[in-house]
């Protein structure tokens, strides 16, 4: 796994940019109080672009990732909503067998935008994932998912997603009222961008294709390492 931002060693990511083709980790930490921010989602990705304005990464089909499951191995989405966020959990390694995902994130934005295609590169939709602004370290970026999402379609229509999970996360104590209000405000700001058809929706990323020479990144053994230094 590459991803040292042009430097050797350490976890200091301040003032660095990754080069196209470098491999990094895109991770999410758990909101559950008893897990103390442990990494529960980890996705090895390849850097497409990394500037002061935008980080773009590609998650290739077949990528081995880490995802949360219930302690008995049951997929999280199969647990009834009322206990989905309180039932004991663990993590497992699993491969991503979708058609690949392009993830776009502007520094400081409380969301990232993902692009999905059907097999054969038929564009499906954009997906606005509401989350904490990402913090950078030498090996990648970390965030916290905020449950509420937005699907955006090629005809410029859009719809809220996972409103039931957002409500349940609050009821289960993963998010207090003030944080929930901030997430809702972020969602409204994202909707304003969608309605104005601003970046990245207007930037033509749906026509982008990955470099055929890129390897599928490997999941490192220390995928859950705690960086010594992180920056926004």
Protein backbone atom coordinates (compact mmCIF):
# COMPACT_ATOMS: atom_id res chain seq x y z
CA UNK A 1 0.00 0.00 0.00
CA UNK A 2 1.45 3.34 -1.04
CA UNK A 3 0.16 6.67 0.15
CA UNK A 4 2.89 8.62 1.89
CA UNK A 5 1.97 11.90 0.24
CA UNK A 6 5.40 12.08 -1.31
CA UNK A 7 7.23 11.51 1.97
CA UNK A 8 8.72 8.50 3.57
CA UNK A 9 7.41 7.22 6.89
CA UNK A 10 5.33 8.73 9.66
CA UNK A 11 1.66 9.66 9.78
CA UNK A 12 1.99 13.39 9.12
CA UNK A 13 -0.25 14.26 6.14
CA UNK A 14 -0.17 18.04 6.56
CA UNK A 15 0.58 19.95 3.37
CA UNK A 16 0.88 16.84 1.23
CA UNK A 17 -0.96 15.57 -1.81
CA UNK A 18 -1.11 12.07 -3.19
CA UNK A 19 -0.17 11.44 -6.78
CA UNK A 20 -2.58 9.86 -9.29
CA UNK A 21 -2.22 6.10 -9.08
CA UNK A 22 -1.18 6.03 -5.40
CA UNK A 23 -3.14 3.65 -3.21
CA UNK A 24 -4.63 4.84 0.08
CA UNK A 25 -7.36 3.85 2.56
CA UNK A 26 -10.82 5.46 2.79
CA UNK A 27 -12.08 4.65 6.29
CA UNK A 28 -15.04 5.30 8.58
CA UNK A 29 -15.02 5.21 12.37
CA UNK A 30 -17.93 3.92 14.43
CA UNK A 31 -20.16 6.39 16.29
CA UNK A 32 -21.11 3.88 19.01
CA UNK A 33 -19.82 5.23 22.36
CA UNK A 34 -18.54 1.83 23.54
CA UNK A 35 -16.34 1.44 20.43
CA UNK A 36 -14.48 4.72 21.00
CA UNK A 37 -14.22 5.61 17.33
CA UNK A 38 -12.82 2.29 16.15
CA UNK A 39 -12.50 1.86 12.38
CA UNK A 40 -15.37 -0.32 11.16
CA UNK A 41 -15.28 0.40 7.41
CA UNK A 42 -12.05 0.37 5.41
CA UNK A 43 -11.81 0.54 1.63
CA UNK A 44 -8.51 0.50 -0.27
CA UNK A 45 -8.73 2.96 -3.16
CA UNK A 46 -6.59 4.43 -5.92
CA UNK A 47 -6.05 8.20 -6.10
CA UNK A 48 -7.46 9.79 -9.26
CA UNK A 49 -6.83 13.41 -8.29
CA UNK A 50 -5.72 15.16 -5.12
CA UNK A 51 -5.59 18.96 -5.04
CA UNK A 52 -6.46 21.73 -2.61
CA UNK A 53 -9.97 21.70 -4.12
CA UNK A 54 -10.78 18.00 -4.55
CA UNK A 55 -9.82 14.47 -3.58
CA UNK A 56 -11.04 11.89 -6.10
CA UNK A 57 -10.46 8.16 -5.57
CA UNK A 58 -11.49 4.95 -7.32
CA UNK A 59 -12.65 1.77 -5.59
CA UNK A 60 -12.23 -1.02 -8.11
CA UNK A 61 -14.42 -4.10 -8.49
CA UNK A 62 -13.02 -7.00 -6.47
CA UNK A 63 -11.40 -4.78 -3.83
CA UNK A 64 -11.07 -6.50 -0.44
CA UNK A 65 -12.64 -4.21 2.16
CA UNK A 66 -13.58 -4.28 5.84
CA UNK A 67 -17.24 -3.90 6.80
CA UNK A 68 -19.28 -4.20 10.01
CA UNK A 69 -21.48 -7.21 10.71
CA UNK A 70 -23.36 -8.39 13.77
CA UNK A 71 -21.36 -10.48 16.22
CA UNK A 72 -22.90 -13.68 14.83
CA UNK A 73 -21.99 -12.71 11.27
CA UNK A 74 -25.46 -11.50 10.24
CA UNK A 75 -25.37 -8.56 7.78
CA UNK A 76 -26.19 -5.30 9.55
CA UNK A 77 -29.10 -4.45 7.23
CA UNK A 78 -30.85 -7.70 8.20
CA UNK A 79 -31.08 -6.66 11.88
CA UNK A 80 -34.41 -5.02 12.80
CA UNK A 81 -34.09 -1.25 12.80
CA UNK A 82 -34.90 -0.91 16.51
CA UNK A 83 -31.78 -2.87 17.52
CA UNK A 84 -29.58 -2.29 14.47
CA UNK A 85 -27.25 0.11 16.29
CA UNK A 86 -27.25 -1.53 19.71
CA UNK A 87 -26.70 -5.21 18.81
CA UNK A 88 -23.07 -6.36 19.31
CA UNK A 89 -20.92 -6.01 16.20
CA UNK A 90 -17.64 -7.09 14.74
CA UNK A 91 -15.91 -6.58 11.39
CA UNK A 92 -15.19 -8.94 8.51
CA UNK A 93 -13.19 -8.83 5.30
CA UNK A 94 -15.29 -8.95 2.15
CA UNK A 95 -14.75 -8.12 -1.52
CA UNK A 96 -16.59 -5.35 -3.33
CA UNK A 97 -18.21 -6.97 -6.34
CA UNK A 98 -20.10 -3.97 -7.67
CA UNK A 99 -19.08 -2.14 -10.82
CA UNK A 100 -16.71 0.12 -8.91
CA UNK A 101 -17.23 3.48 -7.19
CA UNK A 102 -15.67 6.88 -7.85
CA UNK A 103 -15.60 8.98 -4.66
CA UNK A 104 -15.25 12.77 -4.74
CA UNK A 105 -14.68 14.96 -1.68
CA UNK A 106 -13.90 18.65 -1.26
CA UNK A 107 -11.91 19.58 1.88
CA UNK A 108 -14.22 20.77 4.62
CA UNK A 109 -17.46 19.60 3.02
CA UNK A 110 -19.59 17.51 5.43
CA UNK A 111 -20.33 15.05 2.62
CA UNK A 112 -18.69 13.14 -0.20
CA UNK A 113 -20.22 12.37 -3.59
CA UNK A 114 -20.00 8.86 -5.03
CA UNK A 115 -20.64 7.84 -8.63
CA UNK A 116 -22.14 4.45 -9.47
CA UNK A 117 -22.29 2.65 -12.80
CA UNK A 118 -23.96 -0.52 -13.99
CA UNK A 119 -21.68 -3.14 -15.52
CA UNK A 120 -20.74 -1.97 -18.99
CA UNK A 121 -20.26 1.63 -17.76
CA UNK A 122 -23.89 2.67 -17.99
CA UNK A 123 -24.05 5.54 -15.51
CA UNK A 124 -26.53 4.93 -12.71
CA UNK A 125 -26.47 7.80 -10.22
CA UNK A 126 -24.59 10.07 -7.84
CA UNK A 127 -24.85 9.37 -4.11
CA UNK A 128 -24.30 12.12 -1.54
CA UNK A 129 -22.94 10.52 1.64
CA UNK A 130 -23.36 12.89 4.58
CA UNK A 131 -20.34 12.50 6.87
CA UNK A 132 -17.78 14.31 8.99
CA UNK A 133 -15.29 16.32 6.91
CA UNK A 134 -12.47 13.88 6.27
CA UNK A 135 -9.25 13.97 8.25
CA UNK A 136 -6.08 13.05 6.38
CA UNK A 137 -3.15 10.97 7.50
CA UNK A 138 -0.24 9.53 5.52
CA UNK A 139 -2.15 6.37 4.60
CA UNK A 140 -5.53 7.84 3.68
CA UNK A 141 -8.59 9.63 5.05
CA UNK A 142 -10.91 8.94 7.98
CA UNK A 143 -14.48 10.09 8.53
CA UNK A 144 -17.67 9.25 10.45
CA UNK A 145 -20.83 8.40 8.52
CA UNK A 146 -23.93 10.42 9.42
CA UNK A 147 -26.54 7.91 8.17
CA UNK A 148 -28.55 10.35 6.05
CA UNK A 149 -27.88 10.29 2.29
CA UNK A 150 -29.18 11.64 -1.01
CA UNK A 151 -29.46 9.88 -4.38
CA UNK A 152 -29.12 12.10 -7.45
CA UNK A 153 -30.09 10.90 -10.93
CA UNK A 154 -29.00 11.86 -14.46
CA UNK A 155 -32.27 13.72 -15.05
CA UNK A 156 -31.31 15.93 -12.05
CA UNK A 157 -34.02 14.57 -9.79
CA UNK A 158 -33.00 13.60 -6.28
CA UNK A 159 -34.35 11.83 -3.20
CA UNK A 160 -33.44 11.48 0.46
CA UNK A 161 -32.13 8.07 1.52
CA UNK A 162 -31.96 6.26 4.88
CA UNK A 163 -34.10 8.72 6.80
CA UNK A 164 -35.27 5.81 8.98
CA UNK A 165 -31.69 4.92 9.92
CA UNK A 166 -30.91 8.58 10.67
CA UNK A 167 -33.89 8.72 13.04
CA UNK A 168 -32.98 5.42 14.68
CA UNK A 169 -29.36 6.50 15.20
CA UNK A 170 -30.67 9.41 17.25
CA UNK A 171 -33.02 7.18 19.25
CA UNK A 172 -30.17 4.76 19.92
CA UNK A 173 -27.97 7.54 21.32
CA UNK A 174 -25.40 7.62 18.53
CA UNK A 175 -26.19 11.23 17.74
CA UNK A 176 -27.55 14.01 19.95
CA UNK A 177 -30.08 16.62 18.87
CA UNK A 178 -27.49 19.28 18.11
CA UNK A 179 -25.44 16.98 15.92
CA UNK A 180 -28.59 15.83 14.14
CA UNK A 181 -29.45 19.47 13.38
CA UNK A 182 -25.96 19.98 11.91
CA UNK A 183 -26.38 16.92 9.71
CA UNK A 184 -29.78 18.13 8.51
CA UNK A 185 -28.27 21.55 7.75
CA UNK A 186 -25.49 19.85 5.78
CA UNK A 187 -28.11 17.91 3.86
CA UNK A 188 -29.97 21.10 2.97
CA UNK A 189 -26.70 22.67 1.80
CA UNK A 190 -26.03 19.64 -0.40
CA UNK A 191 -29.54 19.91 -1.84
CA UNK A 192 -28.85 23.56 -2.70
CA UNK A 193 -25.79 22.44 -4.70
CA UNK A 194 -27.87 19.78 -6.45
CA UNK A 195 -30.64 22.24 -7.35
CA UNK A 196 -28.04 24.68 -8.73
CA UNK A 197 -26.36 21.75 -10.52
CA UNK A 198 -23.00 22.77 -9.16
CA UNK A 199 -19.80 20.77 -8.79
CA UNK A 200 -19.26 17.87 -8.95
CA UNK A 201 -22.56 17.08 -10.71
CA UNK A 202 -21.82 19.47 -13.57
CA UNK A 203 -18.18 18.42 -13.99
CA UNK A 204 -18.63 15.41 -16.28
CA UNK A 205 -17.16 12.82 -13.91
CA UNK A 206 -19.70 10.27 -15.17
CA UNK A 207 -17.59 10.05 -18.34
CA UNK A 208 -14.38 9.34 -16.42
CA UNK A 209 -12.74 5.90 -16.69
CA UNK A 210 -9.95 4.34 -14.58
CA UNK A 211 -6.45 3.74 -15.92
CA UNK A 212 -6.30 0.15 -17.19
CA UNK A 213 -2.79 -0.15 -15.77
CA UNK A 214 -3.94 0.33 -12.17
CA UNK A 215 -3.78 -2.69 -9.90
CA UNK A 216 -6.56 -3.44 -7.43
CA UNK A 217 -5.20 -2.19 -4.07
CA UNK A 218 -4.58 -4.79 -1.37
CA UNK A 219 -6.06 -4.51 2.12
CA UNK A 220 -3.11 -4.14 4.52
CA UNK A 221 -2.88 -6.09 7.76
CA UNK A 222 -2.78 -2.85 9.77
CA UNK A 223 -5.92 -1.42 8.14
CA UNK A 224 -7.20 -0.28 11.55
CA UNK A 225 -4.03 1.52 12.67
CA UNK A 226 -4.42 4.71 14.67
CA UNK A 227 -2.46 7.52 12.99
CA UNK A 228 -0.23 9.68 15.13
CA UNK A 229 -1.10 12.87 13.23
CA UNK A 230 -4.24 13.77 11.29
CA UNK A 231 -5.29 16.94 9.46
CA UNK A 232 -8.50 18.16 7.88
